[in-house]
Amino acid sequence: MERIPLSNSAFEGDNNAYLFSDGTETVLIDTGDWMATTREQLEAALAERDLAFADVDRIFLTHWHHDHCGLAGEIQAESGAEVYVHAADAPLVEGDEDAWNAMHDRQKRYFEEWGMPEDDQAALLERMVDGETTVETPTVTAFEDGETFAVADTELEVVHTSGHAAGLSMFRAEFDGQRQVFSGDALLPVYTPNVGGADVRVDRPLERYLRALQEIVDAGYDRAWPGHRDPIDDPADRARHIIDHHEERSWRVLDALDRLGPCDTWTVSADLFGDLEGIHILHGPGESYAHLEHLERAGTVVREGTEYRLADGVADELAASDEERWTLEY
């Protein structure tokens, strides 16, 4: 197995494609985005190994976001490669018009509920729609949690880790005498993947993501191969760090409501993240919504229309707790 770094303009840093070519077939996990520079980089990396797009037999996708699946259609067009993705993301990867229309309708509803200004809504939707129209989409084969696939001298096991995306999946494997996992965007070495905005189809996004992180802790992997940047040598420690990060963020959300009084998601986002541009216009309020929704179900926050306020007695508990942190349940 070899890691192929691919450039990406997104803040997460370089994407990774993972190549298996030491058996009787050529297999990729993720492909990078659809940009010309990314295609050139992937073609060059394959050429160094006497391979081309036409030699690729199978592609396994971690999820539907274009920086992970963007070249799958072009590769399939040249090679006839079979493309696999979780059933929840399959319609989006295939470019199903009804699935995308439902996504945009849901996004628009959330944008209104969050209190996103109309100009920001228009710019964001235009950016996302423009990206979709440039992608050559593949025909896909859907998989489910727990399915296994023989690849080279190892076996990939699907581990569904919804939160960042409805179909986000990791691939568990054992090689080099170690328990390893291709973690996609479920576990990243520098940034924490967005929850709430990155895929508005996900119900209870923060709860689901926290559960996935705890499962990573419990699994005891020796190494994680993420969708962006360098390998992670202590996946459990990184997962615990992200859990702590979300506990800290929930504390900050409660503090914002304590200081600002009843307010909408957009106002909480501005307090947490300041002014936002580009795709962050989606990620900031999405992340804030994920925490507000989680705290609402925990009973510490009450929603009234599009605004949220602290539940009765919570302000006193916050004042009494000083620097203590409340543990998030999931």
Protein backbone atom coordinates (compact mmCIF):
# COMPACT_ATOMS: atom_id res chain seq x y z
CA MET A 1 0.00 0.00 0.00
CA GLU A 2 1.25 3.48 -0.88
CA ARG A 3 -0.04 6.92 0.08
CA ILE A 4 -0.33 9.45 -2.74
CA PRO A 5 -0.64 13.08 -1.52
CA LEU A 6 -2.77 15.29 -3.79
CA SER A 7 -3.08 19.06 -3.60
CA ASN A 8 -6.27 20.62 -2.38
CA SER A 9 -7.33 24.23 -1.91
CA ALA A 10 -9.48 23.26 1.11
CA PHE A 11 -8.28 24.19 4.58
CA GLU A 12 -7.84 20.57 5.68
CA GLY A 13 -4.62 20.32 3.66
CA ASP A 14 -3.51 17.87 0.99
CA ASN A 15 -5.84 14.99 0.23
CA ASN A 16 -4.65 11.41 0.18
CA ALA A 17 -5.33 8.64 -2.29
CA TYR A 18 -4.19 5.17 -1.23
CA LEU A 19 -2.90 2.77 -3.86
CA PHE A 20 -2.84 -1.02 -3.72
CA SER A 21 -0.92 -2.34 -6.74
CA ASP A 22 1.18 -5.23 -5.47
CA GLY A 23 -1.39 -7.92 -6.28
CA THR A 24 -3.26 -8.96 -9.39
CA GLU A 25 -5.28 -5.73 -9.52
CA THR A 26 -4.92 -1.99 -9.00
CA VAL A 27 -7.11 -0.46 -6.29
CA LEU A 28 -7.53 3.10 -5.00
CA ILE A 29 -9.08 4.38 -1.80
CA ASP A 30 -10.33 7.90 -2.68
CA THR A 31 -9.24 9.83 -5.76
CA GLY A 32 -8.82 13.47 -4.78
CA ASP A 33 -10.87 16.29 -6.30
CA TRP A 34 -11.73 16.98 -9.95
CA MET A 35 -9.29 19.87 -10.49
CA ALA A 36 -6.84 19.61 -13.40
CA THR A 37 -3.83 19.88 -11.10
CA THR A 38 -5.08 16.98 -8.99
CA ARG A 39 -5.60 14.83 -12.07
CA GLU A 40 -2.08 15.63 -13.26
CA GLN A 41 -0.63 14.70 -9.87
CA LEU A 42 -2.49 11.40 -9.66
CA GLU A 43 -1.61 10.51 -13.25
CA ALA A 44 2.05 11.30 -12.57
CA ALA A 45 2.10 9.22 -9.38
CA LEU A 46 0.58 6.26 -11.21
CA ALA A 47 2.99 6.68 -14.15
CA GLU A 48 5.95 6.46 -11.76
CA ARG A 49 4.65 2.97 -10.99
CA ASP A 50 4.04 2.12 -14.67
CA LEU A 51 0.29 2.54 -14.20
CA ALA A 52 -2.43 4.74 -15.69
CA PHE A 53 -6.10 5.49 -15.04
CA ALA A 54 -6.92 2.71 -17.49
CA ASP A 55 -5.25 0.16 -15.18
CA VAL A 56 -7.41 0.90 -12.14
CA ASP A 57 -9.73 -2.02 -11.35
CA ARG A 58 -11.59 -0.81 -8.25
CA ILE A 59 -12.10 2.40 -6.29
CA PHE A 60 -13.33 2.58 -2.69
CA LEU A 61 -14.66 5.98 -1.61
CA THR A 62 -14.80 7.13 1.99
CA HIS A 63 -17.69 9.54 1.27
CA TRP A 64 -19.38 11.83 -1.25
CA HIS A 65 -17.44 15.07 -0.78
CA HIS A 66 -15.82 16.08 -4.06
CA ASP A 67 -12.29 16.32 -2.69
CA HIS A 68 -12.48 12.56 -2.08
CA CYS A 69 -14.50 11.28 -5.05
CA GLY A 70 -13.94 13.96 -7.70
CA LEU A 71 -11.92 11.85 -10.15
CA ALA A 72 -13.82 8.59 -9.72
CA GLY A 73 -15.99 9.20 -12.79
CA GLU A 74 -13.04 10.09 -15.03
CA ILE A 75 -11.07 7.05 -13.90
CA GLN A 76 -14.07 4.77 -14.43
CA ALA A 77 -14.59 6.21 -17.93
CA GLU A 78 -11.04 5.19 -18.88
CA SER A 79 -10.79 1.85 -17.09
CA GLY A 80 -14.28 0.56 -16.36
CA ALA A 81 -13.26 0.40 -12.70
CA GLU A 82 -15.94 -0.59 -10.20
CA VAL A 83 -16.59 2.25 -7.75
CA TYR A 84 -17.79 1.47 -4.22
CA VAL A 85 -19.34 3.87 -1.70
CA HIS A 86 -21.72 3.59 1.25
CA ALA A 87 -25.38 3.31 0.28
CA ALA A 88 -26.24 6.60 2.02
CA ASP A 89 -23.88 8.51 -0.28
CA ALA A 90 -24.33 6.51 -3.47
CA PRO A 91 -27.05 8.74 -5.04
CA LEU A 92 -24.96 11.89 -4.53
CA VAL A 93 -21.80 10.33 -5.99
CA GLU A 94 -23.78 9.15 -9.01
CA GLY A 95 -25.18 12.65 -9.50
CA ASP A 96 -28.80 11.66 -8.95
CA GLU A 97 -30.81 14.83 -9.60
CA ASP A 98 -33.53 14.03 -7.07
CA ALA A 99 -30.93 13.38 -4.35
CA TRP A 100 -29.17 16.67 -5.04
CA ASN A 101 -32.43 18.62 -5.19
CA ALA A 102 -33.44 17.13 -1.83
CA MET A 103 -30.04 18.10 -0.43
CA HIS A 104 -30.39 21.70 -1.61
CA ASP A 105 -33.95 21.97 -0.32
CA ARG A 106 -32.81 20.79 3.08
CA GLN A 107 -29.85 23.16 3.03
CA LYS A 108 -32.13 26.11 2.23
CA ARG A 109 -34.45 25.20 5.12
CA TYR A 110 -31.54 25.01 7.52
CA PHE A 111 -30.04 28.27 6.27
CA GLU A 112 -33.32 30.01 7.06
CA GLU A 113 -33.60 28.34 10.47
CA TRP A 114 -30.00 29.24 11.31
CA GLY A 115 -30.60 32.91 10.46
CA MET A 116 -28.06 33.01 7.62
CA PRO A 117 -28.28 36.33 5.72
CA GLU A 118 -29.74 36.06 2.21
CA ASP A 119 -26.56 37.25 0.45
CA ASP A 120 -24.51 34.59 2.20
CA GLN A 121 -27.09 31.95 1.30
CA ALA A 122 -26.99 32.88 -2.39
CA ALA A 123 -23.19 32.91 -2.56
CA LEU A 124 -22.93 29.59 -0.79
CA LEU A 125 -25.50 27.78 -2.91
CA GLU A 126 -23.94 29.13 -6.12
CA ARG A 127 -20.51 27.90 -5.03
CA MET A 128 -21.81 24.41 -4.27
CA VAL A 129 -23.92 24.05 -7.42
CA ASP A 130 -21.04 25.23 -9.64
CA GLY A 131 -18.83 22.53 -8.13
CA GLU A 132 -21.34 19.78 -8.81
CA THR A 133 -21.77 20.60 -12.50
CA THR A 134 -18.06 20.15 -13.26
CA VAL A 135 -17.81 16.58 -12.02
CA GLU A 136 -18.04 13.52 -14.26
CA THR A 137 -20.01 11.10 -12.13
CA PRO A 138 -19.46 7.34 -11.96
CA THR A 139 -21.84 4.44 -11.70
CA VAL A 140 -21.38 3.03 -8.20
CA THR A 141 -21.81 -0.14 -6.21
CA ALA A 142 -23.23 0.53 -2.74
CA PHE A 143 -21.88 -1.13 0.39
CA GLU A 144 -23.06 -1.25 4.00
CA ASP A 145 -21.38 -1.31 7.41
CA GLY A 146 -19.45 -4.50 8.12
CA GLU A 147 -18.98 -5.64 4.52
CA THR A 148 -15.52 -6.94 3.64
CA PHE A 149 -13.48 -6.83 0.44
CA ALA A 150 -10.31 -8.74 -0.41
CA VAL A 151 -7.70 -6.27 -1.69
CA ALA A 152 -4.17 -7.44 -2.51
CA ASP A 153 -2.95 -9.42 0.51
CA THR A 154 -5.33 -7.85 3.00
CA GLU A 155 -9.04 -7.48 3.70
CA LEU A 156 -10.85 -4.17 3.95
CA GLU A 157 -13.77 -4.05 6.39
CA VAL A 158 -16.27 -1.21 6.13
CA VAL A 159 -16.75 0.76 9.36
CA HIS A 160 -19.64 3.23 8.95
CA THR A 161 -18.87 6.44 10.88
CA SER A 162 -21.72 8.87 10.18
CA GLY A 163 -21.41 12.41 11.48
CA HIS A 164 -19.34 14.44 9.03
CA ALA A 165 -21.27 12.81 6.16
CA ALA A 166 -24.19 10.41 6.13
CA GLY A 167 -22.22 7.67 4.37
CA LEU A 168 -18.75 8.42 5.72
CA SER A 169 -16.96 5.11 6.10
CA MET A 170 -13.57 3.96 7.26
CA PHE A 171 -11.85 0.80 6.04
CA ARG A 172 -10.30 -1.42 8.70
CA ALA A 173 -7.35 -3.61 7.64
CA GLU A 174 -4.45 -5.59 9.06
CA PHE A 175 -1.07 -5.40 7.38
CA ASP A 176 2.56 -5.10 8.43
CA GLY A 177 1.51 -6.95 11.57
CA GLN A 178 -0.66 -4.02 12.74
CA ARG A 179 -4.33 -3.07 13.06
CA GLN A 180 -4.72 -0.15 10.69
CA VAL A 181 -7.60 1.96 9.44
CA PHE A 182 -8.18 4.23 6.46
CA SER A 183 -10.11 6.88 8.34
CA GLY A 184 -11.21 9.27 5.60
CA ASP A 185 -12.45 12.46 7.30
CA ALA A 186 -13.59 10.67 10.45
CA LEU A 187 -10.15 11.19 11.99
CA LEU A 188 -7.80 13.92 10.77
CA PRO A 189 -4.37 14.74 12.21
CA VAL A 190 -4.71 18.56 12.38
CA TYR A 191 -8.26 19.77 11.86
CA THR A 192 -11.50 18.41 13.26
CA PRO A 193 -13.97 17.48 10.52
CA ASN A 194 -17.05 19.67 10.34
CA VAL A 195 -20.29 18.27 11.71
CA GLY A 196 -23.68 19.82 11.08
CA GLY A 197 -22.89 21.75 7.92
CA ALA A 198 -20.83 19.35 5.83
CA ASP A 199 -23.87 17.11 5.32
CA VAL A 200 -27.25 18.44 6.47
CA ARG A 201 -28.85 15.03 5.86
CA VAL A 202 -27.28 13.67 9.07
CA ASP A 203 -29.67 13.47 12.01
CA ARG A 204 -28.07 14.17 15.43
CA PRO A 205 -24.68 14.81 13.78
CA LEU A 206 -22.64 15.54 16.89
CA GLU A 207 -24.02 12.55 18.78
CA ARG A 208 -23.18 10.26 15.87
CA TYR A 209 -19.70 11.68 15.45
CA LEU A 210 -18.86 11.44 19.16
CA ARG A 211 -19.96 7.81 19.10
CA ALA A 212 -17.73 7.14 16.10
CA LEU A 213 -14.76 8.73 17.87
CA GLN A 214 -15.32 6.56 20.95
CA GLU A 215 -15.42 3.50 18.71
CA ILE A 216 -12.02 4.53 17.32
CA VAL A 217 -10.70 4.80 20.87
CA ASP A 218 -12.06 1.36 21.74
CA ALA A 219 -10.77 -0.28 18.54
CA GLY A 220 -7.12 0.12 19.49
CA TYR A 221 -5.79 0.82 16.00
CA ASP A 222 -2.03 1.02 15.64
CA ARG A 223 -2.19 3.57 12.83
CA ALA A 224 -4.75 5.61 10.91
CA TRP A 225 -4.39 6.69 7.29
CA PRO A 226 -6.54 9.84 7.06
CA GLY A 227 -8.18 11.52 4.09
CA HIS A 228 -5.90 14.54 4.55
CA ARG A 229 -2.28 15.04 5.58
CA ASP A 230 0.04 12.62 7.36
CA PRO A 231 -0.64 9.23 9.00
CA ILE A 232 -1.75 9.21 12.64
CA ASP A 233 0.41 6.98 14.83
CA ASP A 234 -1.87 7.06 17.90
CA PRO A 235 -5.44 7.11 16.60
CA ALA A 236 -7.00 6.61 20.04
CA ASP A 237 -5.18 9.61 21.47
CA ARG A 238 -6.21 11.77 18.53
CA ALA A 239 -9.83 10.65 18.86
CA ARG A 240 -9.83 11.48 22.58
CA HIS A 241 -8.38 14.91 21.78
CA ILE A 242 -11.26 15.62 19.35
CA ILE A 243 -13.82 14.47 21.92
CA ASP A 244 -12.29 16.93 24.41
CA HIS A 245 -12.37 19.62 21.72
CA HIS A 246 -16.12 19.18 21.27
CA GLU A 247 -16.70 19.27 25.01
CA GLU A 248 -14.83 22.57 25.12
CA ARG A 249 -16.86 23.90 22.19
CA SER A 250 -20.13 22.99 23.88
CA TRP A 251 -18.97 24.91 26.93
CA ARG A 252 -18.31 27.91 24.67
CA VAL A 253 -21.81 27.63 23.17
CA LEU A 254 -23.36 27.68 26.65
CA ASP A 255 -21.17 30.64 27.57
CA ALA A 256 -22.29 32.49 24.42
CA LEU A 257 -25.96 31.99 25.29
CA ASP A 258 -25.26 33.09 28.86
CA ARG A 259 -23.66 36.33 27.64
CA LEU A 260 -25.85 37.08 24.62
CA GLY A 261 -29.21 35.84 25.80
CA PRO A 262 -31.66 34.14 23.42
CA CYS A 263 -30.26 34.15 19.87
CA ASP A 264 -30.22 32.20 16.62
CA THR A 265 -27.57 29.84 15.27
CA TRP A 266 -25.96 32.47 13.04
CA THR A 267 -25.37 34.72 16.07
CA VAL A 268 -23.81 31.88 18.06
CA SER A 269 -21.61 31.06 15.05
CA ALA A 270 -20.42 34.67 14.82
CA ASP A 271 -19.52 34.59 18.51
CA LEU A 272 -17.56 31.35 18.10
CA PHE A 273 -15.88 31.92 14.74
CA GLY A 274 -16.19 35.59 13.77
CA ASP A 275 -16.72 36.64 10.15
CA LEU A 276 -16.68 33.74 7.70
CA GLU A 277 -15.96 33.43 3.98
CA GLY A 278 -16.24 30.75 1.31
CA ILE A 279 -17.27 27.29 2.44
CA HIS A 280 -16.84 28.35 6.07
CA ILE A 281 -20.13 30.24 5.73
CA LEU A 282 -21.63 26.75 5.76
CA HIS A 283 -19.32 25.12 8.29
CA GLY A 284 -19.50 27.75 11.05
CA PRO A 285 -23.28 27.82 11.61
CA GLY A 286 -23.44 24.08 10.83
CA GLU A 287 -21.03 23.33 13.64
CA SER A 288 -22.90 25.70 15.95
CA TYR A 289 -26.21 24.05 15.07
CA ALA A 290 -24.79 20.57 15.78
CA HIS A 291 -23.83 21.68 19.29
CA LEU A 292 -27.04 23.59 19.96
CA GLU A 293 -29.14 20.63 18.83
CA HIS A 294 -27.08 18.27 21.02
CA LEU A 295 -27.42 20.54 24.04
CA GLU A 296 -31.14 20.94 23.42
CA ARG A 297 -31.65 17.17 23.56
CA ALA A 298 -29.53 17.07 26.73
CA GLY A 299 -31.94 19.55 28.33
CA THR A 300 -29.43 22.34 28.92
CA VAL A 301 -30.68 24.49 26.02
CA VAL A 302 -34.24 25.31 24.98
CA ARG A 303 -35.24 26.17 21.42
CA GLU A 304 -38.03 28.68 20.84
CA GLY A 305 -38.67 29.19 17.12
CA THR A 306 -35.27 29.87 15.55
CA GLU A 307 -33.70 31.07 18.79
CA TYR A 308 -32.01 29.17 21.60
CA ARG A 309 -31.70 30.04 25.27
CA LEU A 310 -30.26 28.39 28.36
CA ALA A 311 -32.68 26.11 30.18
CA ASP A 312 -33.89 27.30 33.56
CA GLY A 313 -31.18 27.02 36.20
CA VAL A 314 -28.33 26.40 33.75
CA ALA A 315 -26.91 29.92 34.10
CA ASP A 316 -26.58 29.38 37.86
CA GLU A 317 -24.88 26.03 37.28
CA LEU A 318 -22.46 27.65 34.84
CA ALA A 319 -21.57 30.32 37.36
CA ALA A 320 -21.07 27.74 40.10
CA SER A 321 -19.01 25.36 37.96
CA ASP A 322 -16.24 27.94 37.31
CA GLU A 323 -13.66 26.23 35.07
CA GLU A 324 -15.14 22.73 35.25
CA ARG A 325 -16.31 21.12 32.01
CA TRP A 326 -19.50 19.19 31.51
CA THR A 327 -19.11 15.83 29.80
CA LEU A 328 -21.02 15.40 26.56
CA GLU A 329 -23.21 12.30 26.42
CA TYR A 330 -23.69 10.28 23.25
